[in-house]
Amino acid sequence: MADDPAAKRLHPALTAVLLTVVVLVLSAFPLALHANTTALIDGYRASHGEAGTLGTATVATATDTKDEQVCRGTFTPAGGGPATDARIEVDGRCEIGQQVEARLMPGRPSLFTGYDEPRAWAPGAGDWAVFIPLVVLFGLLSLPLVLLLWMIVANLTKRLLNGPAAPTV
């Protein structure tokens, strides 16, 4: 009886719960991939003058963190309109009071911190490149979910096409 294959299988309810937990955990990676890919594209296009609202950004604060300098200030559209508080990306380091021509990209709704705030990108600002390693990382981390979903669909398709398995003796 110790060699009985049915004795080694998990209960179907437990299998379903474990599979659901794994899928939920793995689904965070494609969401992070999407957030970082859109931030990469938005930053590249704005810093190269291809997208965003043209205007002037004025640096109000410049904070040095462990990894980067974070500049914040006010963006004023060139065509007039209300000023917007935004993170400001410049080529090199910024100085308080510095004014640069920039293009404002609105933040996008996201589950992750910082992606929903507007950013003003000065021409030539290369900060968009920090998203490249994240896009690669989350792209690779998304592969297990794609493979898992492929296996589930293939298994269900096989079962639907072949019908129920014959009982074994």
N, C-alpha and C. Protein backbone atom coordinates (compact mmCIF):
# COMPACT_ATOMS: atom_id res chain seq x y z
N MET A 1 0.81 -1.19 0.00
CA MET A 1 0.00 0.00 0.00
C MET A 1 0.86 1.26 0.00
N ALA A 2 2.12 1.16 0.43
CA ALA A 2 3.02 2.31 0.47
C ALA A 2 3.38 2.77 -0.93
N ASP A 3 3.26 1.88 -1.93
CA ASP A 3 3.58 2.25 -3.30
C ASP A 3 2.35 2.75 -4.07
N ASP A 4 1.25 2.93 -3.39
CA ASP A 4 0.02 3.39 -4.03
C ASP A 4 0.19 4.84 -4.49
N PRO A 5 0.10 5.13 -5.83
CA PRO A 5 0.29 6.49 -6.33
C PRO A 5 -0.75 7.48 -5.79
N ALA A 6 -1.95 7.01 -5.52
CA ALA A 6 -2.98 7.90 -4.99
C ALA A 6 -2.64 8.39 -3.60
N ALA A 7 -1.90 7.61 -2.82
CA ALA A 7 -1.52 8.00 -1.47
C ALA A 7 -0.52 9.15 -1.49
N LYS A 8 0.22 9.31 -2.58
CA LYS A 8 1.25 10.36 -2.67
C LYS A 8 0.70 11.68 -3.18
N ARG A 9 -0.51 11.70 -3.71
CA ARG A 9 -1.09 12.91 -4.26
C ARG A 9 -1.70 13.78 -3.17
N LEU A 10 -1.64 15.10 -3.41
CA LEU A 10 -2.29 16.04 -2.50
C LEU A 10 -3.79 16.02 -2.75
N HIS A 11 -4.52 16.37 -1.75
CA HIS A 11 -5.97 16.50 -1.90
C HIS A 11 -6.24 17.59 -2.94
N PRO A 12 -7.22 17.40 -3.83
CA PRO A 12 -7.49 18.40 -4.88
C PRO A 12 -7.77 19.80 -4.35
N ALA A 13 -8.41 19.92 -3.20
CA ALA A 13 -8.69 21.25 -2.63
C ALA A 13 -7.39 21.92 -2.21
N LEU A 14 -6.48 21.16 -1.61
CA LEU A 14 -5.19 21.70 -1.20
C LEU A 14 -4.37 22.09 -2.42
N THR A 15 -4.43 21.28 -3.46
CA THR A 15 -3.73 21.60 -4.70
C THR A 15 -4.26 22.90 -5.28
N ALA A 16 -5.57 23.08 -5.29
CA ALA A 16 -6.18 24.30 -5.82
C ALA A 16 -5.77 25.52 -5.01
N VAL A 17 -5.74 25.40 -3.69
CA VAL A 17 -5.34 26.52 -2.83
C VAL A 17 -3.88 26.88 -3.08
N LEU A 18 -3.00 25.89 -3.12
CA LEU A 18 -1.58 26.15 -3.36
C LEU A 18 -1.35 26.77 -4.74
N LEU A 19 -2.04 26.28 -5.73
CA LEU A 19 -1.92 26.81 -7.09
C LEU A 19 -2.41 28.26 -7.14
N THR A 20 -3.48 28.56 -6.43
CA THR A 20 -4.01 29.93 -6.39
C THR A 20 -3.01 30.88 -5.73
N VAL A 21 -2.40 30.46 -4.64
CA VAL A 21 -1.41 31.29 -3.94
C VAL A 21 -0.21 31.54 -4.85
N VAL A 22 0.28 30.51 -5.52
CA VAL A 22 1.42 30.67 -6.41
C VAL A 22 1.10 31.63 -7.55
N VAL A 23 -0.08 31.50 -8.15
CA VAL A 23 -0.48 32.39 -9.25
C VAL A 23 -0.61 33.83 -8.76
N LEU A 24 -1.17 34.04 -7.58
CA LEU A 24 -1.29 35.39 -7.04
C LEU A 24 0.07 36.03 -6.79
N VAL A 25 1.00 35.27 -6.23
CA VAL A 25 2.35 35.78 -5.98
C VAL A 25 3.05 36.09 -7.31
N LEU A 26 2.96 35.16 -8.25
CA LEU A 26 3.63 35.35 -9.53
C LEU A 26 2.99 36.47 -10.37
N SER A 27 1.72 36.78 -10.12
CA SER A 27 1.05 37.82 -10.91
C SER A 27 1.56 39.22 -10.57
N ALA A 28 2.26 39.38 -9.46
CA ALA A 28 2.83 40.69 -9.13
C ALA A 28 3.95 41.06 -10.11
N PHE A 29 4.65 40.07 -10.65
CA PHE A 29 5.76 40.37 -11.55
C PHE A 29 5.32 40.98 -12.88
N PRO A 30 4.28 40.47 -13.55
CA PRO A 30 3.84 41.17 -14.77
C PRO A 30 3.32 42.58 -14.49
N LEU A 31 2.71 42.80 -13.32
CA LEU A 31 2.25 44.14 -12.97
C LEU A 31 3.45 45.09 -12.82
N ALA A 32 4.51 44.61 -12.17
CA ALA A 32 5.72 45.41 -12.03
C ALA A 32 6.40 45.62 -13.38
N LEU A 33 6.35 44.60 -14.23
CA LEU A 33 6.91 44.73 -15.59
C LEU A 33 6.17 45.83 -16.34
N HIS A 34 4.85 45.84 -16.27
CA HIS A 34 4.06 46.87 -16.96
C HIS A 34 4.39 48.26 -16.43
N ALA A 35 4.44 48.43 -15.10
CA ALA A 35 4.71 49.74 -14.50
C ALA A 35 6.07 50.26 -14.93
N ASN A 36 7.10 49.40 -14.91
CA ASN A 36 8.44 49.84 -15.26
C ASN A 36 8.60 50.06 -16.76
N THR A 37 7.93 49.27 -17.57
CA THR A 37 8.01 49.47 -19.03
C THR A 37 7.37 50.79 -19.42
N THR A 38 6.21 51.11 -18.87
CA THR A 38 5.57 52.38 -19.21
C THR A 38 6.40 53.56 -18.70
N ALA A 39 7.01 53.45 -17.52
CA ALA A 39 7.86 54.52 -17.00
C ALA A 39 9.10 54.70 -17.89
N LEU A 40 9.66 53.60 -18.35
CA LEU A 40 10.82 53.66 -19.25
C LEU A 40 10.45 54.37 -20.55
N ILE A 41 9.36 53.97 -21.16
CA ILE A 41 8.93 54.56 -22.44
C ILE A 41 8.56 56.03 -22.26
N ASP A 42 7.80 56.34 -21.21
CA ASP A 42 7.41 57.73 -20.95
C ASP A 42 8.65 58.61 -20.76
N GLY A 43 9.59 58.15 -19.96
CA GLY A 43 10.80 58.94 -19.70
C GLY A 43 11.64 59.14 -20.95
N TYR A 44 11.81 58.09 -21.71
CA TYR A 44 12.59 58.19 -22.96
C TYR A 44 11.93 59.18 -23.92
N ARG A 45 10.63 59.02 -24.14
CA ARG A 45 9.93 59.87 -25.11
C ARG A 45 9.92 61.33 -24.65
N ALA A 46 9.70 61.58 -23.36
CA ALA A 46 9.67 62.96 -22.87
C ALA A 46 11.05 63.60 -22.93
N SER A 47 12.08 62.88 -22.54
CA SER A 47 13.43 63.46 -22.54
C SER A 47 13.98 63.66 -23.96
N HIS A 48 13.34 63.03 -24.94
CA HIS A 48 13.75 63.20 -26.34
C HIS A 48 12.77 64.09 -27.11
N GLY A 49 11.86 64.76 -26.38
CA GLY A 49 10.94 65.72 -26.99
C GLY A 49 9.82 65.12 -27.80
N GLU A 50 9.52 63.85 -27.59
CA GLU A 50 8.49 63.17 -28.39
C GLU A 50 7.12 63.11 -27.71
N ALA A 51 7.05 63.42 -26.45
CA ALA A 51 5.78 63.31 -25.73
C ALA A 51 5.79 64.27 -24.55
N GLY A 52 4.62 64.47 -23.99
CA GLY A 52 4.51 65.30 -22.80
C GLY A 52 4.14 66.74 -23.11
N THR A 53 3.80 67.47 -22.07
CA THR A 53 3.42 68.87 -22.17
C THR A 53 4.67 69.72 -22.01
N LEU A 54 4.95 70.57 -23.00
CA LEU A 54 6.13 71.43 -22.96
C LEU A 54 5.93 72.55 -21.96
N GLY A 55 6.98 72.89 -21.23
CA GLY A 55 6.91 73.96 -20.25
C GLY A 55 8.24 74.17 -19.57
N THR A 56 8.18 74.80 -18.40
CA THR A 56 9.37 75.11 -17.61
C THR A 56 9.23 74.47 -16.23
N ALA A 57 10.30 73.81 -15.82
CA ALA A 57 10.34 73.20 -14.48
C ALA A 57 11.31 73.98 -13.61
N THR A 58 10.90 74.26 -12.39
CA THR A 58 11.74 74.98 -11.44
C THR A 58 11.98 74.07 -10.25
N VAL A 59 13.25 73.81 -9.95
CA VAL A 59 13.63 72.90 -8.86
C VAL A 59 13.43 73.61 -7.52
N ALA A 60 12.65 73.00 -6.64
CA ALA A 60 12.41 73.54 -5.29
C ALA A 60 13.23 72.80 -4.25
N THR A 61 13.39 71.47 -4.42
CA THR A 61 14.18 70.68 -3.47
C THR A 61 15.05 69.70 -4.23
N ALA A 62 16.22 69.47 -3.69
CA ALA A 62 17.14 68.48 -4.25
C ALA A 62 17.65 67.63 -3.09
N THR A 63 17.25 66.38 -3.06
CA THR A 63 17.58 65.49 -1.95
C THR A 63 18.49 64.37 -2.44
N ASP A 64 19.63 64.22 -1.78
CA ASP A 64 20.53 63.11 -2.11
C ASP A 64 20.13 61.90 -1.29
N THR A 65 19.83 60.81 -1.99
CA THR A 65 19.53 59.55 -1.33
C THR A 65 20.73 58.63 -1.51
N LYS A 66 20.61 57.43 -1.03
CA LYS A 66 21.71 56.46 -1.15
C LYS A 66 22.05 56.19 -2.61
N ASP A 67 21.03 56.12 -3.47
CA ASP A 67 21.24 55.71 -4.85
C ASP A 67 21.18 56.83 -5.87
N GLU A 68 20.51 57.94 -5.54
CA GLU A 68 20.28 58.96 -6.55
C GLU A 68 20.01 60.31 -5.91
N GLN A 69 19.91 61.31 -6.77
CA GLN A 69 19.47 62.63 -6.34
C GLN A 69 18.02 62.78 -6.80
N VAL A 70 17.14 63.14 -5.88
CA VAL A 70 15.73 63.31 -6.21
C VAL A 70 15.42 64.80 -6.20
N CYS A 71 14.98 65.30 -7.35
CA CYS A 71 14.67 66.72 -7.50
C CYS A 71 13.16 66.87 -7.63
N ARG A 72 12.61 67.82 -6.90
CA ARG A 72 11.17 68.09 -6.96
C ARG A 72 10.99 69.59 -7.12
N GLY A 73 9.86 69.93 -7.71
CA GLY A 73 9.59 71.34 -7.90
C GLY A 73 8.27 71.56 -8.60
N THR A 74 8.21 72.65 -9.36
CA THR A 74 6.98 73.06 -10.01
C THR A 74 7.17 73.09 -11.51
N PHE A 75 6.18 72.55 -12.21
CA PHE A 75 6.18 72.59 -13.67
C PHE A 75 5.09 73.55 -14.12
N THR A 76 5.46 74.50 -15.00
CA THR A 76 4.50 75.45 -15.55
C THR A 76 4.41 75.22 -17.06
N PRO A 77 3.21 74.91 -17.58
CA PRO A 77 3.06 74.67 -19.01
C PRO A 77 3.39 75.91 -19.84
N ALA A 78 3.98 75.71 -21.00
CA ALA A 78 4.38 76.82 -21.88
C ALA A 78 3.15 77.57 -22.40
N GLY A 79 2.06 76.87 -22.65
CA GLY A 79 0.86 77.50 -23.18
C GLY A 79 -0.02 78.12 -22.11
N GLY A 80 0.45 78.19 -20.91
CA GLY A 80 -0.36 78.71 -19.81
C GLY A 80 -1.11 77.58 -19.13
N GLY A 81 -1.66 77.89 -18.02
CA GLY A 81 -2.39 76.89 -17.26
C GLY A 81 -1.82 76.76 -15.87
N PRO A 82 -2.44 75.92 -15.07
CA PRO A 82 -1.99 75.80 -13.68
C PRO A 82 -0.64 75.09 -13.56
N ALA A 83 0.13 75.52 -12.59
CA ALA A 83 1.41 74.88 -12.29
C ALA A 83 1.14 73.54 -11.60
N THR A 84 2.06 72.60 -11.78
CA THR A 84 1.92 71.26 -11.23
C THR A 84 3.15 70.92 -10.41
N ASP A 85 2.94 70.39 -9.21
CA ASP A 85 4.07 69.86 -8.43
C ASP A 85 4.50 68.56 -9.08
N ALA A 86 5.81 68.39 -9.30
CA ALA A 86 6.29 67.21 -10.01
C ALA A 86 7.72 66.87 -9.58
N ARG A 87 8.07 65.63 -9.86
CA ARG A 87 9.47 65.23 -9.76
C ARG A 87 10.13 65.73 -11.03
N ILE A 88 11.35 66.25 -10.91
CA ILE A 88 12.04 66.84 -12.05
C ILE A 88 13.28 66.03 -12.36
N GLU A 89 13.38 65.60 -13.61
CA GLU A 89 14.53 64.82 -14.08
C GLU A 89 15.35 65.70 -15.00
N VAL A 90 16.61 65.94 -14.64
CA VAL A 90 17.50 66.78 -15.44
C VAL A 90 18.72 65.98 -15.87
N ASP A 91 19.47 66.53 -16.82
CA ASP A 91 20.73 65.91 -17.24
C ASP A 91 21.78 66.29 -16.20
N GLY A 92 22.26 65.32 -15.45
CA GLY A 92 23.23 65.58 -14.39
C GLY A 92 22.54 65.90 -13.08
N ARG A 93 23.21 66.70 -12.25
CA ARG A 93 22.67 67.06 -10.94
C ARG A 93 21.85 68.34 -11.05
N CYS A 94 20.88 68.49 -10.17
CA CYS A 94 20.06 69.69 -10.17
C CYS A 94 20.46 70.57 -8.99
N GLU A 95 20.09 71.83 -9.10
CA GLU A 95 20.35 72.80 -8.03
C GLU A 95 19.03 73.48 -7.68
N ILE A 96 18.85 73.80 -6.43
CA ILE A 96 17.63 74.49 -5.99
C ILE A 96 17.56 75.83 -6.72
N GLY A 97 16.39 76.12 -7.28
CA GLY A 97 16.17 77.35 -8.04
C GLY A 97 16.45 77.20 -9.54
N GLN A 98 17.05 76.09 -9.93
CA GLN A 98 17.36 75.85 -11.34
C GLN A 98 16.07 75.77 -12.16
N GLN A 99 16.07 76.43 -13.32
CA GLN A 99 14.94 76.36 -14.23
C GLN A 99 15.39 75.70 -15.52
N VAL A 100 14.59 74.73 -15.97
CA VAL A 100 14.91 74.02 -17.21
C VAL A 100 13.66 73.88 -18.06
N GLU A 101 13.87 73.86 -19.37
CA GLU A 101 12.78 73.50 -20.27
C GLU A 101 12.54 72.02 -20.03
N ALA A 102 11.29 71.62 -19.97
CA ALA A 102 10.98 70.22 -19.69
C ALA A 102 9.66 69.83 -20.32
N ARG A 103 9.42 68.55 -20.34
CA ARG A 103 8.15 68.00 -20.79
C ARG A 103 7.55 67.20 -19.64
N LEU A 104 6.31 67.51 -19.32
CA LEU A 104 5.63 66.87 -18.20
C LEU A 104 4.89 65.63 -18.67
N MET A 105 5.16 64.53 -18.01
CA MET A 105 4.42 63.28 -18.22
C MET A 105 3.59 63.05 -16.97
N PRO A 106 2.27 62.89 -17.14
CA PRO A 106 1.44 62.63 -15.95
C PRO A 106 1.77 61.26 -15.37
N GLY A 107 1.57 61.12 -14.10
CA GLY A 107 1.76 59.81 -13.48
C GLY A 107 0.69 58.84 -13.95
N ARG A 108 0.99 57.58 -13.88
CA ARG A 108 0.04 56.54 -14.27
C ARG A 108 -0.40 55.78 -13.02
N PRO A 109 -1.66 55.41 -12.96
CA PRO A 109 -2.12 54.63 -11.80
C PRO A 109 -1.30 53.35 -11.68
N SER A 110 -0.86 53.05 -10.46
CA SER A 110 -0.04 51.86 -10.25
C SER A 110 -0.17 51.40 -8.81
N LEU A 111 0.06 50.10 -8.61
CA LEU A 111 0.10 49.55 -7.26
C LEU A 111 1.40 49.89 -6.56
N PHE A 112 2.37 50.38 -7.31
CA PHE A 112 3.71 50.63 -6.78
C PHE A 112 3.93 52.11 -6.52
N THR A 113 4.71 52.42 -5.51
CA THR A 113 4.95 53.79 -5.07
C THR A 113 5.76 54.57 -6.10
N GLY A 114 5.33 55.81 -6.35
CA GLY A 114 6.09 56.73 -7.19
C GLY A 114 5.72 56.75 -8.65
N TYR A 115 5.06 55.72 -9.14
CA TYR A 115 4.72 55.67 -10.56
C TYR A 115 3.51 56.54 -10.89
N ASP A 116 2.77 56.95 -9.88
CA ASP A 116 1.57 57.74 -10.12
C ASP A 116 1.83 59.24 -10.01
N GLU A 117 3.05 59.65 -9.72
CA GLU A 117 3.34 61.08 -9.61
C GLU A 117 3.85 61.62 -10.96
N PRO A 118 3.48 62.86 -11.30
CA PRO A 118 3.94 63.43 -12.56
C PRO A 118 5.45 63.69 -12.53
N ARG A 119 6.08 63.57 -13.70
CA ARG A 119 7.51 63.84 -13.83
C ARG A 119 7.75 64.81 -14.97
N ALA A 120 8.60 65.78 -14.71
CA ALA A 120 9.01 66.72 -15.74
C ALA A 120 10.40 66.31 -16.21
N TRP A 121 10.54 66.02 -17.50
CA TRP A 121 11.79 65.51 -18.07
C TRP A 121 12.46 66.60 -18.89
N ALA A 122 13.67 66.99 -18.49
CA ALA A 122 14.45 67.95 -19.26
C ALA A 122 15.07 67.22 -20.46
N PRO A 123 15.34 67.96 -21.54
CA PRO A 123 15.99 67.32 -22.70
C PRO A 123 17.32 66.68 -22.29
N GLY A 124 17.53 65.46 -22.72
CA GLY A 124 18.78 64.76 -22.44
C GLY A 124 18.86 64.07 -21.09
N ALA A 125 17.81 64.20 -20.28
CA ALA A 125 17.82 63.52 -18.97
C ALA A 125 17.85 62.02 -19.20
N GLY A 126 18.84 61.36 -18.65
CA GLY A 126 18.99 59.92 -18.88
C GLY A 126 18.46 59.05 -17.77
N ASP A 127 17.71 59.63 -16.84
CA ASP A 127 17.21 58.86 -15.70
C ASP A 127 16.25 57.76 -16.11
N TRP A 128 15.68 57.83 -17.30
CA TRP A 128 14.77 56.78 -17.77
C TRP A 128 15.51 55.45 -17.89
N ALA A 129 16.83 55.48 -18.05
CA ALA A 129 17.61 54.25 -18.23
C ALA A 129 17.65 53.39 -16.96
N VAL A 130 17.34 53.97 -15.79
CA VAL A 130 17.34 53.17 -14.56
C VAL A 130 16.23 52.12 -14.59
N PHE A 131 15.26 52.29 -15.49
CA PHE A 131 14.18 51.32 -15.59
C PHE A 131 14.56 50.09 -16.43
N ILE A 132 15.63 50.16 -17.20
CA ILE A 132 16.02 49.04 -18.08
C ILE A 132 16.29 47.76 -17.28
N PRO A 133 17.13 47.80 -16.24
CA PRO A 133 17.36 46.55 -15.48
C PRO A 133 16.07 46.02 -14.84
N LEU A 134 15.19 46.91 -14.41
CA LEU A 134 13.93 46.48 -13.80
C LEU A 134 13.02 45.81 -14.83
N VAL A 135 13.00 46.34 -16.05
CA VAL A 135 12.19 45.73 -17.11
C VAL A 135 12.72 44.33 -17.42
N VAL A 136 14.04 44.20 -17.51
CA VAL A 136 14.64 42.88 -17.78
C VAL A 136 14.34 41.93 -16.62
N LEU A 137 14.55 42.38 -15.40
CA LEU A 137 14.33 41.54 -14.22
C LEU A 137 12.88 41.06 -14.13
N PHE A 138 11.93 42.00 -14.21
CA PHE A 138 10.53 41.61 -14.07
C PHE A 138 10.04 40.85 -15.30
N GLY A 139 10.67 41.07 -16.44
CA GLY A 139 10.35 40.26 -17.62
C GLY A 139 10.72 38.81 -17.40
N LEU A 140 11.91 38.59 -16.85
CA LEU A 140 12.36 37.22 -16.56
C LEU A 140 11.53 36.59 -15.44
N LEU A 141 11.20 37.38 -14.43
CA LEU A 141 10.41 36.86 -13.32
C LEU A 141 8.96 36.58 -13.72
N SER A 142 8.51 37.16 -14.83
CA SER A 142 7.16 36.90 -15.33
C SER A 142 7.06 35.58 -16.09
N LEU A 143 8.18 35.06 -16.53
CA LEU A 143 8.17 33.82 -17.32
C LEU A 143 7.56 32.63 -16.58
N PRO A 144 7.85 32.39 -15.29
CA PRO A 144 7.22 31.25 -14.61
C PRO A 144 5.69 31.30 -14.63
N LEU A 145 5.12 32.49 -14.50
CA LEU A 145 3.66 32.60 -14.55
C LEU A 145 3.16 32.24 -15.94
N VAL A 146 3.83 32.71 -16.97
CA VAL A 146 3.43 32.38 -18.34
C VAL A 146 3.52 30.87 -18.55
N LEU A 147 4.61 30.26 -18.09
CA LEU A 147 4.76 28.80 -18.23
C LEU A 147 3.71 28.04 -17.43
N LEU A 148 3.43 28.51 -16.22
CA LEU A 148 2.42 27.85 -15.39
C LEU A 148 1.04 27.94 -16.05
N LEU A 149 0.69 29.11 -16.54
CA LEU A 149 -0.60 29.26 -17.21
C LEU A 149 -0.66 28.42 -18.49
N TRP A 150 0.46 28.34 -19.21
CA TRP A 150 0.52 27.50 -20.41
C TRP A 150 0.28 26.03 -20.05
N MET A 151 0.92 25.56 -18.97
CA MET A 151 0.74 24.17 -18.55
C MET A 151 -0.71 23.91 -18.13
N ILE A 152 -1.32 24.85 -17.43
CA ILE A 152 -2.71 24.67 -17.00
C ILE A 152 -3.64 24.61 -18.21
N VAL A 153 -3.47 25.52 -19.14
CA VAL A 153 -4.32 25.54 -20.33
C VAL A 153 -4.11 24.27 -21.15
N ALA A 154 -2.85 23.85 -21.32
CA ALA A 154 -2.56 22.64 -22.09
C ALA A 154 -3.19 21.42 -21.42
N ASN A 155 -3.09 21.33 -20.10
CA ASN A 155 -3.66 20.20 -19.37
C ASN A 155 -5.19 20.19 -19.48
N LEU A 156 -5.81 21.36 -19.32
CA LEU A 156 -7.27 21.43 -19.44
C LEU A 156 -7.73 21.10 -20.86
N THR A 157 -7.00 21.60 -21.84
CA THR A 157 -7.34 21.30 -23.24
C THR A 157 -7.23 19.81 -23.52
N LYS A 158 -6.16 19.21 -23.02
CA LYS A 158 -5.96 17.77 -23.21
C LYS A 158 -7.11 16.98 -22.58
N ARG A 159 -7.51 17.38 -21.37
CA ARG A 159 -8.60 16.68 -20.68
C ARG A 159 -9.93 16.86 -21.40
N LEU A 160 -10.16 18.07 -21.93
CA LEU A 160 -11.41 18.32 -22.64
C LEU A 160 -11.47 17.54 -23.95
N LEU A 161 -10.35 17.47 -24.66
CA LEU A 161 -10.32 16.79 -25.93
C LEU A 161 -10.33 15.27 -25.80
N ASN A 162 -9.67 14.75 -24.77
CA ASN A 162 -9.56 13.29 -24.60
C ASN A 162 -10.67 12.71 -23.73
N GLY A 163 -11.40 13.53 -23.04
CA GLY A 163 -12.44 13.03 -22.16
C GLY A 163 -11.85 12.52 -20.86
N PRO A 164 -12.70 12.01 -19.97
CA PRO A 164 -12.19 11.54 -18.68
C PRO A 164 -11.29 10.31 -18.87
N ALA A 165 -10.30 10.20 -18.01
CA ALA A 165 -9.38 9.07 -18.07
C ALA A 165 -10.08 7.80 -17.62
N ALA A 166 -9.70 6.71 -18.24
CA ALA A 166 -10.27 5.41 -17.86
C ALA A 166 -9.73 5.01 -16.51
N PRO A 167 -10.53 4.36 -15.69
CA PRO A 167 -10.05 3.92 -14.38
C PRO A 167 -8.94 2.88 -14.55
N THR A 168 -7.96 2.99 -13.65
CA THR A 168 -6.84 2.04 -13.68
C THR A 168 -7.03 1.00 -12.60
N VAL A 169 -6.54 -0.18 -12.87
CA VAL A 169 -6.68 -1.29 -11.91
C VAL A 169 -5.34 -1.61 -11.31
